[in-house]
Amino acid sequence: MDTLNNPSNACLSGPSSEGQKRTSPTPPEPAVPDRAGLDELRCEWRRLYCSEPPKISRDLLIRGIGYRLQEIQQGGLGKTTRRKLKTLAKMFRATGQVAPPIRVSALSPALGWCANGMAALTRSP
């Protein structure tokens, strides 16, 4: 299965809507040979992702293509993981952080208190 020689421009879909993983009885051949040029890699990206490839290095294009092929063959992230990632992304866009700061309930010698009640590391004299 040499996907670089497959002229199909149709977008490949991920796992079915029922959440079943797609598997192949035989191990797939490497889809992106080491000798593939940037133009071939970009074409393969367009075919797999149905979008223009980002302006990234050849190595990252290969990794992205490999990830997508694995995602198609074995199924993508689970519903719970996708939901958690969306929540974290939304939190990051809103606050610039992916998790709320940790509150310390008791004062320890290595910690001091900031005006907002959050723990902050302090230097010992």
C-alpha atoms as a PDB file:
ATOM      1  CA  MET A   1       0.000   0.000   0.000  1.00  0.00           C
ATOM      2  CA  ASP A   2       2.067   2.919  -1.252  1.00  0.00           C
ATOM      3  CA  THR A   3      -0.097   5.952  -0.588  1.00  0.00           C
ATOM      4  CA  LEU A   4       2.275   8.292  -2.387  1.00  0.00           C
ATOM      5  CA  ASN A   5       1.590   6.465  -5.651  1.00  0.00           C
ATOM      6  CA  ASN A   6      -2.162   6.465  -5.057  1.00  0.00           C
ATOM      7  CA  PRO A   7      -3.521   9.420  -7.063  1.00  0.00           C
ATOM      8  CA  SER A   8      -6.771   9.518  -5.100  1.00  0.00           C
ATOM      9  CA  ASN A   9      -7.594  13.036  -3.940  1.00  0.00           C
ATOM     10  CA  ALA A  10     -10.508  11.862  -1.817  1.00  0.00           C
ATOM     11  CA  CYS A  11     -10.209  12.672   1.850  1.00  0.00           C
ATOM     12  CA  LEU A  12      -9.779   9.682   4.092  1.00  0.00           C
ATOM     13  CA  SER A  13     -12.141   9.435   6.996  1.00  0.00           C
ATOM     14  CA  GLY A  14     -11.263   8.453  10.528  1.00  0.00           C
ATOM     15  CA  PRO A  15     -12.990   5.785  12.598  1.00  0.00           C
ATOM     16  CA  SER A  16     -16.643   5.125  11.975  1.00  0.00           C
ATOM     17  CA  SER A  17     -19.301   7.065  13.846  1.00  0.00           C
ATOM     18  CA  GLU A  18     -19.958   4.061  16.068  1.00  0.00           C
ATOM     19  CA  GLY A  19     -16.446   4.452  17.482  1.00  0.00           C
ATOM     20  CA  GLN A  20     -15.219   1.154  16.054  1.00  0.00           C
ATOM     21  CA  LYS A  21     -11.524   0.979  15.340  1.00  0.00           C
ATOM     22  CA  ARG A  22     -10.369   0.040  11.882  1.00  0.00           C
ATOM     23  CA  THR A  23      -7.777  -2.676  11.759  1.00  0.00           C
ATOM     24  CA  SER A  24      -5.888  -4.365   8.990  1.00  0.00           C
ATOM     25  CA  PRO A  25      -5.023  -8.072   8.998  1.00  0.00           C
ATOM     26  CA  THR A  26      -1.568  -7.358   7.556  1.00  0.00           C
ATOM     27  CA  PRO A  27       0.901  -4.785   8.795  1.00  0.00           C
ATOM     28  CA  PRO A  28       0.921  -1.720   6.533  1.00  0.00           C
ATOM     29  CA  GLU A  29       3.930  -0.795   4.462  1.00  0.00           C
ATOM     30  CA  PRO A  30       5.586   2.524   5.288  1.00  0.00           C
ATOM     31  CA  ALA A  31       3.454   5.151   3.576  1.00  0.00           C
ATOM     32  CA  VAL A  32       6.168   7.787   3.363  1.00  0.00           C
ATOM     33  CA  PRO A  33       9.508   6.542   2.098  1.00  0.00           C
ATOM     34  CA  ASP A  34      12.628   8.259   3.378  1.00  0.00           C
ATOM     35  CA  ARG A  35      13.358   9.535  -0.112  1.00  0.00           C
ATOM     36  CA  ALA A  36      10.034  11.386  -0.496  1.00  0.00           C
ATOM     37  CA  GLY A  37      10.496  15.040  -1.335  1.00  0.00           C
ATOM     38  CA  LEU A  38       8.716  18.000   0.208  1.00  0.00           C
ATOM     39  CA  ASP A  39       6.274  18.249  -2.695  1.00  0.00           C
ATOM     40  CA  GLU A  40       5.288  14.594  -2.308  1.00  0.00           C
ATOM     41  CA  LEU A  41       4.883  15.000   1.443  1.00  0.00           C
ATOM     42  CA  ARG A  42       2.716  18.086   1.024  1.00  0.00           C
ATOM     43  CA  CYS A  43       0.564  16.260  -1.521  1.00  0.00           C
ATOM     44  CA  GLU A  44       0.144  13.346   0.896  1.00  0.00           C
ATOM     45  CA  TRP A  45      -0.758  15.807   3.702  1.00  0.00           C
ATOM     46  CA  ARG A  46      -3.458  17.355   1.504  1.00  0.00           C
ATOM     47  CA  ARG A  47      -4.842  13.911   0.703  1.00  0.00           C
ATOM     48  CA  LEU A  48      -4.936  12.764   4.330  1.00  0.00           C
ATOM     49  CA  TYR A  49      -5.995  15.961   6.095  1.00  0.00           C
ATOM     50  CA  CYS A  50      -7.997  17.599   3.268  1.00  0.00           C
ATOM     51  CA  SER A  51      -6.268  20.880   4.008  1.00  0.00           C
ATOM     52  CA  GLU A  52      -3.154  22.765   3.065  1.00  0.00           C
ATOM     53  CA  PRO A  53      -0.055  21.549   4.901  1.00  0.00           C
ATOM     54  CA  PRO A  54       1.409  23.885   7.512  1.00  0.00           C
ATOM     55  CA  LYS A  55       4.779  25.453   6.852  1.00  0.00           C
ATOM     56  CA  ILE A  56       6.786  23.047   8.973  1.00  0.00           C
ATOM     57  CA  SER A  57       9.925  21.002   8.497  1.00  0.00           C
ATOM     58  CA  ARG A  58      10.061  17.833   6.436  1.00  0.00           C
ATOM     59  CA  ASP A  59      10.525  15.778   9.604  1.00  0.00           C
ATOM     60  CA  LEU A  60       7.359  17.192  11.169  1.00  0.00           C
ATOM     61  CA  LEU A  61       5.406  16.601   7.946  1.00  0.00           C
ATOM     62  CA  ILE A  62       6.469  12.950   8.046  1.00  0.00           C
ATOM     63  CA  ARG A  63       5.403  12.663  11.686  1.00  0.00           C
ATOM     64  CA  GLY A  64       2.048  14.307  10.992  1.00  0.00           C
ATOM     65  CA  ILE A  65       1.394  12.014   8.046  1.00  0.00           C
ATOM     66  CA  GLY A  66       2.383   8.977  10.113  1.00  0.00           C
ATOM     67  CA  TYR A  67       0.068  10.049  12.934  1.00  0.00           C
ATOM     68  CA  ARG A  68      -2.856  10.503  10.546  1.00  0.00           C
ATOM     69  CA  LEU A  69      -2.280   7.119   8.900  1.00  0.00           C
ATOM     70  CA  GLN A  70      -2.171   5.459  12.318  1.00  0.00           C
ATOM     71  CA  GLU A  71      -5.305   7.335  13.362  1.00  0.00           C
ATOM     72  CA  ILE A  72      -7.137   6.124  10.256  1.00  0.00           C
ATOM     73  CA  GLN A  73      -5.999   2.528  10.658  1.00  0.00           C
ATOM     74  CA  GLN A  74      -6.353   2.108  14.424  1.00  0.00           C
ATOM     75  CA  GLY A  75      -8.899   4.737  15.333  1.00  0.00           C
ATOM     76  CA  GLY A  76      -8.389   8.155  16.826  1.00  0.00           C
ATOM     77  CA  LEU A  77      -8.602   9.422  20.365  1.00  0.00           C
ATOM     78  CA  GLY A  78     -11.525   8.316  22.483  1.00  0.00           C
ATOM     79  CA  LYS A  79     -14.546  10.523  23.068  1.00  0.00           C
ATOM     80  CA  THR A  80     -13.560  11.280  26.660  1.00  0.00           C
ATOM     81  CA  THR A  81     -10.024  12.286  25.682  1.00  0.00           C
ATOM     82  CA  ARG A  82     -11.259  14.536  22.857  1.00  0.00           C
ATOM     83  CA  ARG A  83     -13.730  16.203  25.244  1.00  0.00           C
ATOM     84  CA  LYS A  84     -10.988  16.767  27.862  1.00  0.00           C
ATOM     85  CA  LEU A  85      -8.634  18.263  25.254  1.00  0.00           C
ATOM     86  CA  LYS A  86     -11.372  20.622  24.030  1.00  0.00           C
ATOM     87  CA  THR A  87     -12.032  21.705  27.620  1.00  0.00           C
ATOM     88  CA  LEU A  88      -8.319  22.323  28.237  1.00  0.00           C
ATOM     89  CA  ALA A  89      -7.995  24.280  24.974  1.00  0.00           C
ATOM     90  CA  LYS A  90     -10.991  26.426  25.894  1.00  0.00           C
ATOM     91  CA  MET A  91      -9.516  27.066  29.362  1.00  0.00           C
ATOM     92  CA  PHE A  92      -6.159  27.982  27.820  1.00  0.00           C
ATOM     93  CA  ARG A  93      -7.759  30.454  25.393  1.00  0.00           C
ATOM     94  CA  ALA A  94      -9.688  32.082  28.237  1.00  0.00           C
ATOM     95  CA  THR A  95      -7.035  32.180  30.989  1.00  0.00           C
ATOM     96  CA  GLY A  96      -3.675  31.387  29.401  1.00  0.00           C
ATOM     97  CA  GLN A  97      -3.370  28.374  31.715  1.00  0.00           C
ATOM     98  CA  VAL A  98      -4.423  24.761  31.260  1.00  0.00           C
ATOM     99  CA  ALA A  99      -5.092  24.095  34.931  1.00  0.00           C
ATOM    100  CA  PRO A 100      -6.097  26.231  37.875  1.00  0.00           C
ATOM    101  CA  PRO A 101      -3.288  27.163  40.288  1.00  0.00           C
ATOM    102  CA  ILE A 102      -2.781  24.810  43.202  1.00  0.00           C
ATOM    103  CA  ARG A 103      -3.921  26.128  46.579  1.00  0.00           C
ATOM    104  CA  VAL A 104      -1.969  24.998  49.596  1.00  0.00           C
ATOM    105  CA  SER A 105      -4.081  24.482  52.704  1.00  0.00           C
ATOM    106  CA  ALA A 106      -1.277  24.714  55.255  1.00  0.00           C
ATOM    107  CA  LEU A 107       1.726  27.015  55.308  1.00  0.00           C
ATOM    108  CA  SER A 108       4.992  25.127  54.946  1.00  0.00           C
ATOM    109  CA  PRO A 109       8.471  26.578  55.505  1.00  0.00           C
ATOM    110  CA  ALA A 110       9.203  26.523  51.776  1.00  0.00           C
ATOM    111  CA  LEU A 111       5.983  28.301  50.870  1.00  0.00           C
ATOM    112  CA  GLY A 112       4.800  31.811  51.498  1.00  0.00           C
ATOM    113  CA  TRP A 113       1.471  33.437  50.755  1.00  0.00           C
ATOM    114  CA  CYS A 114       0.763  35.906  47.981  1.00  0.00           C
ATOM    115  CA  ALA A 115      -1.878  38.603  48.298  1.00  0.00           C
ATOM    116  CA  ASN A 116      -4.330  36.498  46.303  1.00  0.00           C
ATOM    117  CA  GLY A 117      -4.059  33.524  48.698  1.00  0.00           C
ATOM    118  CA  MET A 118      -2.009  31.381  46.303  1.00  0.00           C
ATOM    119  CA  ALA A 119       1.113  29.618  47.460  1.00  0.00           C
ATOM    120  CA  ALA A 120       4.381  30.957  46.154  1.00  0.00           C
ATOM    121  CA  LEU A 121       7.853  29.512  46.543  1.00  0.00           C
ATOM    122  CA  THR A 122      10.130  31.636  48.705  1.00  0.00           C
ATOM    123  CA  ARG A 123      13.820  31.459  49.367  1.00  0.00           C
ATOM    124  CA  SER A 124      15.013  30.308  52.749  1.00  0.00           C
ATOM    125  CA  PRO A 125      17.448  32.749  54.405  1.00  0.00           C
END
